[in-house]
């Protein structure tokens, strides 16, 4: 069984630019189907960022191409839309 908490703090990398986008902070789940719809990425660590959800964006689940114990690779997506 997979636990969503195991995704937390994994580095998220854009495979087109090899740039670190941020870190996984949470996931969004469709209440009706129970499927994961998106991953919430935090651009910055810190207490204030955590308390006020500063610097977070939602990345659609279908953009994920691969996951490891340390990284999540995402394909082309306009990250500026969610900033």
PDB file of N, CA and C in Angstrom:
ATOM      1  N   UNK A   1       0.837  -1.180   0.000  1.00  0.00           N
ATOM      2  CA  UNK A   1       0.000   0.000   0.000  1.00  0.00           C
ATOM      3  C   UNK A   1       0.881   1.241   0.000  1.00  0.00           C
ATOM      4  N   UNK A   2       0.463   2.263  -0.732  1.00  0.00           N
ATOM      5  CA  UNK A   2       1.209   3.514  -0.824  1.00  0.00           C
ATOM      6  C   UNK A   2       0.581   4.550   0.100  1.00  0.00           C
ATOM      7  N   UNK A   3       1.399   5.269   0.828  1.00  0.00           N
ATOM      8  CA  UNK A   3       0.926   6.339   1.707  1.00  0.00           C
ATOM      9  C   UNK A   3       1.365   7.681   1.134  1.00  0.00           C
ATOM     10  N   UNK A   4       0.434   8.614   1.017  1.00  0.00           N
ATOM     11  CA  UNK A   4       0.726   9.942   0.474  1.00  0.00           C
ATOM     12  C   UNK A   4       1.798  10.674   1.262  1.00  0.00           C
ATOM     13  N   UNK A   5       1.893  10.390   2.561  1.00  0.00           N
ATOM     14  CA  UNK A   5       2.891  11.054   3.390  1.00  0.00           C
ATOM     15  C   UNK A   5       4.314  10.738   2.921  1.00  0.00           C
ATOM     16  N   UNK A   6       4.489   9.625   2.223  1.00  0.00           N
ATOM     17  CA  UNK A   6       5.822   9.261   1.735  1.00  0.00           C
ATOM     18  C   UNK A   6       6.296  10.178   0.613  1.00  0.00           C
ATOM     19  N   UNK A   7       5.373  10.941   0.009  1.00  0.00           N
ATOM     20  CA  UNK A   7       5.745  11.884  -1.049  1.00  0.00           C
ATOM     21  C   UNK A   7       6.319  13.178  -0.489  1.00  0.00           C
ATOM     22  N   UNK A   8       5.965  13.522   0.731  1.00  0.00           N
ATOM     23  CA  UNK A   8       6.374  14.802   1.306  1.00  0.00           C
ATOM     24  C   UNK A   8       7.880  15.013   1.239  1.00  0.00           C
ATOM     25  N   UNK A   9       8.214  16.247   0.917  1.00  0.00           N
ATOM     26  CA  UNK A   9       9.595  16.738   0.868  1.00  0.00           C
ATOM     27  C   UNK A   9      10.438  16.143  -0.249  1.00  0.00           C
ATOM     28  N   UNK A  10       9.822  15.433  -1.168  1.00  0.00           N
ATOM     29  CA  UNK A  10      10.581  14.977  -2.333  1.00  0.00           C
ATOM     30  C   UNK A  10      10.802  16.178  -3.252  1.00  0.00           C
ATOM     31  N   UNK A  11      11.959  16.252  -3.835  1.00  0.00           N
ATOM     32  CA  UNK A  11      12.293  17.323  -4.754  1.00  0.00           C
ATOM     33  C   UNK A  11      11.556  17.109  -6.065  1.00  0.00           C
ATOM     34  N   UNK A  12      10.925  18.175  -6.582  1.00  0.00           N
ATOM     35  CA  UNK A  12      10.197  18.105  -7.847  1.00  0.00           C
ATOM     36  C   UNK A  12      11.032  18.802  -8.909  1.00  0.00           C
ATOM     37  N   UNK A  13      11.291  18.084 -10.011  1.00  0.00           N
ATOM     38  CA  UNK A  13      12.159  18.579 -11.076  1.00  0.00           C
ATOM     39  C   UNK A  13      11.415  18.599 -12.400  1.00  0.00           C
ATOM     40  N   UNK A  14      11.522  19.722 -13.122  1.00  0.00           N
ATOM     41  CA  UNK A  14      10.964  19.854 -14.469  1.00  0.00           C
ATOM     42  C   UNK A  14      11.920  19.146 -15.427  1.00  0.00           C
ATOM     43  N   UNK A  15      11.456  18.109 -16.136  1.00  0.00           N
ATOM     44  CA  UNK A  15      12.358  17.340 -16.996  1.00  0.00           C
ATOM     45  C   UNK A  15      12.791  18.108 -18.239  1.00  0.00           C
ATOM     46  N   UNK A  16      12.069  19.182 -18.612  1.00  0.00           N
ATOM     47  CA  UNK A  16      12.465  19.968 -19.782  1.00  0.00           C
ATOM     48  C   UNK A  16      13.621  20.911 -19.493  1.00  0.00           C
ATOM     49  N   UNK A  17      13.666  21.443 -18.270  1.00  0.00           N
ATOM     50  CA  UNK A  17      14.702  22.417 -17.931  1.00  0.00           C
ATOM     51  C   UNK A  17      15.698  21.893 -16.903  1.00  0.00           C
ATOM     52  N   UNK A  18      15.413  20.738 -16.314  1.00  0.00           N
ATOM     53  CA  UNK A  18      16.224  20.149 -15.239  1.00  0.00           C
ATOM     54  C   UNK A  18      16.293  21.085 -14.032  1.00  0.00           C
ATOM     55  N   UNK A  19      15.265  21.916 -13.883  1.00  0.00           N
ATOM     56  CA  UNK A  19      15.209  22.889 -12.800  1.00  0.00           C
ATOM     57  C   UNK A  19      14.394  22.337 -11.633  1.00  0.00           C
ATOM     58  N   UNK A  20      14.859  22.608 -10.420  1.00  0.00           N
ATOM     59  CA  UNK A  20      14.110  22.237  -9.225  1.00  0.00           C
ATOM     60  C   UNK A  20      12.945  23.215  -9.083  1.00  0.00           C
ATOM     61  N   UNK A  21      11.728  22.688  -9.110  1.00  0.00           N
ATOM     62  CA  UNK A  21      10.532  23.515  -9.000  1.00  0.00           C
ATOM     63  C   UNK A  21      10.204  23.785  -7.543  1.00  0.00           C
ATOM     64  N   UNK A  22      10.428  22.801  -6.702  1.00  0.00           N
ATOM     65  CA  UNK A  22      10.109  22.924  -5.288  1.00  0.00           C
ATOM     66  C   UNK A  22      10.066  21.559  -4.642  1.00  0.00           C
ATOM     67  N   UNK A  23       9.239  21.441  -3.604  1.00  0.00           N
ATOM     68  CA  UNK A  23       9.159  20.218  -2.832  1.00  0.00           C
ATOM     69  C   UNK A  23       7.698  19.839  -2.623  1.00  0.00           C
ATOM     70  N   UNK A  24       7.400  18.559  -2.635  1.00  0.00           N
ATOM     71  CA  UNK A  24       6.034  18.091  -2.440  1.00  0.00           C
ATOM     72  C   UNK A  24       5.600  18.407  -1.009  1.00  0.00           C
ATOM     73  N   UNK A  25       4.433  19.061  -0.876  1.00  0.00           N
ATOM     74  CA  UNK A  25       3.907  19.338   0.456  1.00  0.00           C
ATOM     75  C   UNK A  25       2.601  18.601   0.734  1.00  0.00           C
ATOM     76  N   UNK A  26       1.853  18.260  -0.332  1.00  0.00           N
ATOM     77  CA  UNK A  26       0.567  17.597  -0.130  1.00  0.00           C
ATOM     78  C   UNK A  26       0.056  17.061  -1.464  1.00  0.00           C
ATOM     79  N   UNK A  27      -1.075  16.375  -1.442  1.00  0.00           N
ATOM     80  CA  UNK A  27      -1.724  15.911  -2.663  1.00  0.00           C
ATOM     81  C   UNK A  27      -3.199  16.302  -2.617  1.00  0.00           C
ATOM     82  N   UNK A  28      -3.816  16.441  -3.790  1.00  0.00           N
ATOM     83  CA  UNK A  28      -5.253  16.705  -3.891  1.00  0.00           C
ATOM     84  C   UNK A  28      -5.930  15.424  -4.357  1.00  0.00           C
ATOM     85  N   UNK A  29      -7.058  15.096  -3.739  1.00  0.00           N
ATOM     86  CA  UNK A  29      -7.784  13.880  -4.067  1.00  0.00           C
ATOM     87  C   UNK A  29      -9.221  14.240  -4.433  1.00  0.00           C
ATOM     88  N   UNK A  30      -9.708  13.676  -5.530  1.00  0.00           N
ATOM     89  CA  UNK A  30     -11.102  13.864  -5.933  1.00  0.00           C
ATOM     90  C   UNK A  30     -11.975  13.103  -4.942  1.00  0.00           C
ATOM     91  N   UNK A  31     -12.890  13.815  -4.288  1.00  0.00           N
ATOM     92  CA  UNK A  31     -13.725  13.198  -3.255  1.00  0.00           C
ATOM     93  C   UNK A  31     -14.670  12.130  -3.796  1.00  0.00           C
ATOM     94  N   UNK A  32     -15.094  12.276  -5.037  1.00  0.00           N
ATOM     95  CA  UNK A  32     -16.044  11.321  -5.611  1.00  0.00           C
ATOM     96  C   UNK A  32     -15.350  10.041  -6.058  1.00  0.00           C
ATOM     97  N   UNK A  33     -14.283  10.179  -6.852  1.00  0.00           N
ATOM     98  CA  UNK A  33     -13.615   8.997  -7.403  1.00  0.00           C
ATOM     99  C   UNK A  33     -12.541   8.427  -6.482  1.00  0.00           C
ATOM    100  N   UNK A  34     -12.025   9.260  -5.568  1.00  0.00           N
ATOM    101  CA  UNK A  34     -10.944   8.819  -4.693  1.00  0.00           C
ATOM    102  C   UNK A  34      -9.585   8.821  -5.368  1.00  0.00           C
ATOM    103  N   UNK A  35      -9.505   9.368  -6.576  1.00  0.00           N
ATOM    104  CA  UNK A  35      -8.234   9.413  -7.320  1.00  0.00           C
ATOM    105  C   UNK A  35      -7.443  10.672  -6.992  1.00  0.00           C
ATOM    106  N   UNK A  36      -6.132  10.547  -7.056  1.00  0.00           N
ATOM    107  CA  UNK A  36      -5.270  11.712  -6.872  1.00  0.00           C
ATOM    108  C   UNK A  36      -5.361  12.562  -8.138  1.00  0.00           C
ATOM    109  N   UNK A  37      -5.618  13.862  -7.966  1.00  0.00           N
ATOM    110  CA  UNK A  37      -5.758  14.749  -9.119  1.00  0.00           C
ATOM    111  C   UNK A  37      -4.582  15.695  -9.281  1.00  0.00           C
ATOM    112  N   UNK A  38      -3.903  16.017  -8.189  1.00  0.00           N
ATOM    113  CA  UNK A  38      -2.795  16.972  -8.270  1.00  0.00           C
ATOM    114  C   UNK A  38      -1.863  16.803  -7.080  1.00  0.00           C
ATOM    115  N   UNK A  39      -0.699  17.381  -7.243  1.00  0.00           N
ATOM    116  CA  UNK A  39       0.305  17.392  -6.204  1.00  0.00           C
ATOM    117  C   UNK A  39       0.537  18.857  -5.844  1.00  0.00           C
ATOM    118  N   UNK A  40       0.590  19.174  -4.557  1.00  0.00           N
ATOM    119  CA  UNK A  40       0.849  20.534  -4.112  1.00  0.00           C
ATOM    120  C   UNK A  40       2.355  20.669  -3.897  1.00  0.00           C
ATOM    121  N   UNK A  41       2.930  21.661  -4.573  1.00  0.00           N
ATOM    122  CA  UNK A  41       4.373  21.890  -4.510  1.00  0.00           C
ATOM    123  C   UNK A  41       4.641  23.171  -3.744  1.00  0.00           C
ATOM    124  N   UNK A  42       5.532  23.104  -2.792  1.00  0.00           N
ATOM    125  CA  UNK A  42       5.960  24.284  -2.049  1.00  0.00           C
ATOM    126  C   UNK A  42       7.295  24.734  -2.611  1.00  0.00           C
ATOM    127  N   UNK A  43       7.380  26.000  -2.964  1.00  0.00           N
ATOM    128  CA  UNK A  43       8.610  26.533  -3.542  1.00  0.00           C
ATOM    129  C   UNK A  43       9.667  26.808  -2.483  1.00  0.00           C
ATOM    130  N   UNK A  44       9.238  27.044  -1.238  1.00  0.00           N
ATOM    131  CA  UNK A  44      10.176  27.401  -0.169  1.00  0.00           C
ATOM    132  C   UNK A  44       9.833  26.632   1.094  1.00  0.00           C
ATOM    133  N   UNK A  45      10.871  26.260   1.826  1.00  0.00           N
ATOM    134  CA  UNK A  45      10.658  25.687   3.150  1.00  0.00           C
ATOM    135  C   UNK A  45      10.665  26.820   4.164  1.00  0.00           C
ATOM    136  N   UNK A  46      10.071  26.593   5.291  1.00  0.00           N
ATOM    137  CA  UNK A  46      10.100  27.574   6.361  1.00  0.00           C
ATOM    138  C   UNK A  46       8.798  27.558   7.137  1.00  0.00           C
ATOM    139  N   UNK A  47       8.858  28.017   8.365  1.00  0.00           N
ATOM    140  CA  UNK A  47       7.695  28.000   9.233  1.00  0.00           C
ATOM    141  C   UNK A  47       6.580  28.890   8.703  1.00  0.00           C
ATOM    142  N   UNK A  48       6.898  30.117   8.314  1.00  0.00           N
ATOM    143  CA  UNK A  48       5.862  31.022   7.812  1.00  0.00           C
ATOM    144  C   UNK A  48       5.263  30.518   6.504  1.00  0.00           C
ATOM    145  N   UNK A  49       6.103  29.974   5.627  1.00  0.00           N
ATOM    146  CA  UNK A  49       5.605  29.418   4.365  1.00  0.00           C
ATOM    147  C   UNK A  49       4.635  28.269   4.646  1.00  0.00           C
ATOM    148  N   UNK A  50       4.937  27.462   5.638  1.00  0.00           N
ATOM    149  CA  UNK A  50       4.073  26.339   5.987  1.00  0.00           C
ATOM    150  C   UNK A  50       2.751  26.802   6.584  1.00  0.00           C
ATOM    151  N   UNK A  51       2.809  27.760   7.481  1.00  0.00           N
ATOM    152  CA  UNK A  51       1.601  28.222   8.160  1.00  0.00           C
ATOM    153  C   UNK A  51       0.627  28.932   7.238  1.00  0.00           C
ATOM    154  N   UNK A  52       1.152  29.682   6.271  1.00  0.00           N
ATOM    155  CA  UNK A  52       0.293  30.498   5.427  1.00  0.00           C
ATOM    156  C   UNK A  52       0.220  30.036   3.976  1.00  0.00           C
ATOM    157  N   UNK A  53       0.739  28.845   3.680  1.00  0.00           N
ATOM    158  CA  UNK A  53       0.725  28.278   2.322  1.00  0.00           C
ATOM    159  C   UNK A  53       1.323  29.231   1.295  1.00  0.00           C
ATOM    160  N   UNK A  54       2.356  29.930   1.681  1.00  0.00           N
ATOM    161  CA  UNK A  54       3.033  30.860   0.782  1.00  0.00           C
ATOM    162  C   UNK A  54       3.893  30.072  -0.198  1.00  0.00           C
ATOM    163  N   UNK A  55       3.846  30.449  -1.456  1.00  0.00           N
ATOM    164  CA  UNK A  55       4.703  29.821  -2.451  1.00  0.00           C
ATOM    165  C   UNK A  55       4.284  28.425  -2.842  1.00  0.00           C
ATOM    166  N   UNK A  56       2.990  28.118  -2.744  1.00  0.00           N
ATOM    167  CA  UNK A  56       2.507  26.801  -3.143  1.00  0.00           C
ATOM    168  C   UNK A  56       1.831  26.863  -4.503  1.00  0.00           C
ATOM    169  N   UNK A  57       1.905  25.753  -5.239  1.00  0.00           N
ATOM    170  CA  UNK A  57       1.194  25.639  -6.502  1.00  0.00           C
ATOM    171  C   UNK A  57       0.713  24.211  -6.671  1.00  0.00           C
ATOM    172  N   UNK A  58      -0.315  24.067  -7.480  1.00  0.00           N
ATOM    173  CA  UNK A  58      -0.896  22.764  -7.752  1.00  0.00           C
ATOM    174  C   UNK A  58      -0.391  22.278  -9.108  1.00  0.00           C
ATOM    175  N   UNK A  59       0.141  21.069  -9.132  1.00  0.00           N
ATOM    176  CA  UNK A  59       0.646  20.477 -10.364  1.00  0.00           C
ATOM    177  C   UNK A  59      -0.227  19.273 -10.701  1.00  0.00           C
ATOM    178  N   UNK A  60      -0.874  19.272 -11.874  1.00  0.00           N
ATOM    179  CA  UNK A  60      -1.742  18.151 -12.247  1.00  0.00           C
ATOM    180  C   UNK A  60      -1.012  16.806 -12.189  1.00  0.00           C
ATOM    181  N   UNK A  61      -1.700  15.809 -11.675  1.00  0.00           N
ATOM    182  CA  UNK A  61      -1.105  14.479 -11.499  1.00  0.00           C
ATOM    183  C   UNK A  61      -0.625  13.888 -12.821  1.00  0.00           C
ATOM    184  N   UNK A  62      -1.324  14.176 -13.914  1.00  0.00           N
ATOM    185  CA  UNK A  62      -0.959  13.597 -15.213  1.00  0.00           C
ATOM    186  C   UNK A  62       0.370  14.120 -15.749  1.00  0.00           C
ATOM    187  N   UNK A  63       0.931  15.175 -15.157  1.00  0.00           N
ATOM    188  CA  UNK A  63       2.224  15.695 -15.622  1.00  0.00           C
ATOM    189  C   UNK A  63       3.402  14.948 -15.013  1.00  0.00           C
ATOM    190  N   UNK A  64       3.144  14.082 -14.042  1.00  0.00           N
ATOM    191  CA  UNK A  64       4.221  13.322 -13.391  1.00  0.00           C
ATOM    192  C   UNK A  64       4.670  12.198 -14.315  1.00  0.00           C
ATOM    193  N   UNK A  65       5.980  12.138 -14.567  1.00  0.00           N
ATOM    194  CA  UNK A  65       6.514  11.100 -15.449  1.00  0.00           C
ATOM    195  C   UNK A  65       7.231   9.995 -14.688  1.00  0.00           C
ATOM    196  N   UNK A  66       7.818  10.325 -13.537  1.00  0.00           N
ATOM    197  CA  UNK A  66       8.540   9.322 -12.757  1.00  0.00           C
ATOM    198  C   UNK A  66       8.693   9.786 -11.316  1.00  0.00           C
ATOM    199  N   UNK A  67       8.831   8.805 -10.411  1.00  0.00           N
ATOM    200  CA  UNK A  67       9.059   9.092  -8.994  1.00  0.00           C
ATOM    201  C   UNK A  67      10.114   8.146  -8.459  1.00  0.00           C
ATOM    202  N   UNK A  68      10.919   8.660  -7.556  1.00  0.00           N
ATOM    203  CA  UNK A  68      11.873   7.821  -6.843  1.00  0.00           C
ATOM    204  C   UNK A  68      11.731   8.132  -5.360  1.00  0.00           C
ATOM    205  N   UNK A  69      12.612   7.593  -4.548  1.00  0.00           N
ATOM    206  CA  UNK A  69      12.565   7.864  -3.116  1.00  0.00           C
ATOM    207  C   UNK A  69      12.919   9.315  -2.789  1.00  0.00           C
ATOM    208  N   UNK A  70      13.598  10.004  -3.717  1.00  0.00           N
ATOM    209  CA  UNK A  70      14.049  11.372  -3.462  1.00  0.00           C
ATOM    210  C   UNK A  70      13.471  12.413  -4.405  1.00  0.00           C
ATOM    211  N   UNK A  71      13.067  12.011  -5.626  1.00  0.00           N
ATOM    212  CA  UNK A  71      12.662  12.959  -6.652  1.00  0.00           C
ATOM    213  C   UNK A  71      11.315  12.617  -7.274  1.00  0.00           C
ATOM    214  N   UNK A  72      10.670  13.677  -7.806  1.00  0.00           N
ATOM    215  CA  UNK A  72       9.492  13.527  -8.646  1.00  0.00           C
ATOM    216  C   UNK A  72       9.790  14.308  -9.917  1.00  0.00           C
ATOM    217  N   UNK A  73       9.691  13.643 -11.064  1.00  0.00           N
ATOM    218  CA  UNK A  73       9.947  14.301 -12.347  1.00  0.00           C
ATOM    219  C   UNK A  73       8.616  14.631 -13.007  1.00  0.00           C
ATOM    220  N   UNK A  74       8.483  15.886 -13.451  1.00  0.00           N
ATOM    221  CA  UNK A  74       7.257  16.309 -14.113  1.00  0.00           C
ATOM    222  C   UNK A  74       7.574  16.807 -15.511  1.00  0.00           C
ATOM    223  N   UNK A  75       6.632  16.556 -16.453  1.00  0.00           N
ATOM    224  CA  UNK A  75       6.830  16.995 -17.827  1.00  0.00           C
ATOM    225  C   UNK A  75       6.260  18.394 -18.014  1.00  0.00           C
ATOM    226  N   UNK A  76       6.338  18.864 -19.213  1.00  0.00           N
ATOM    227  CA  UNK A  76       5.937  20.218 -19.581  1.00  0.00           C
ATOM    228  C   UNK A  76       4.606  20.636 -18.969  1.00  0.00           C
ATOM    229  N   UNK A  77       4.637  21.790 -18.314  1.00  0.00           N
ATOM    230  CA  UNK A  77       3.463  22.353 -17.668  1.00  0.00           C
ATOM    231  C   UNK A  77       3.765  23.811 -17.404  1.00  0.00           C
ATOM    232  N   UNK A  78       2.826  24.705 -17.622  1.00  0.00           N
ATOM    233  CA  UNK A  78       3.063  26.134 -17.414  1.00  0.00           C
ATOM    234  C   UNK A  78       2.963  26.434 -15.919  1.00  0.00           C
ATOM    235  N   UNK A  79       4.092  26.359 -15.226  1.00  0.00           N
ATOM    236  CA  UNK A  79       4.126  26.539 -13.782  1.00  0.00           C
ATOM    237  C   UNK A  79       3.784  27.957 -13.366  1.00  0.00           C
ATOM    238  N   UNK A  80       3.951  28.922 -14.266  1.00  0.00           N
ATOM    239  CA  UNK A  80       3.670  30.326 -13.932  1.00  0.00           C
ATOM    240  C   UNK A  80       2.171  30.561 -13.711  1.00  0.00           C
ATOM    241  N   UNK A  81       1.311  29.709 -14.260  1.00  0.00           N
ATOM    242  CA  UNK A  81      -0.136  29.864 -14.084  1.00  0.00           C
ATOM    243  C   UNK A  81      -0.564  29.681 -12.647  1.00  0.00           C
ATOM    244  N   UNK A  82       0.143  28.838 -11.911  1.00  0.00           N
ATOM    245  CA  UNK A  82      -0.247  28.500 -10.545  1.00  0.00           C
ATOM    246  C   UNK A  82       0.531  29.216  -9.479  1.00  0.00           C
ATOM    247  N   UNK A  83       1.458  30.073  -9.823  1.00  0.00           N
ATOM    248  CA  UNK A  83       2.301  30.722  -8.826  1.00  0.00           C
ATOM    249  C   UNK A  83       1.532  31.620  -7.900  1.00  0.00           C
TER     250      UNK A  83
END
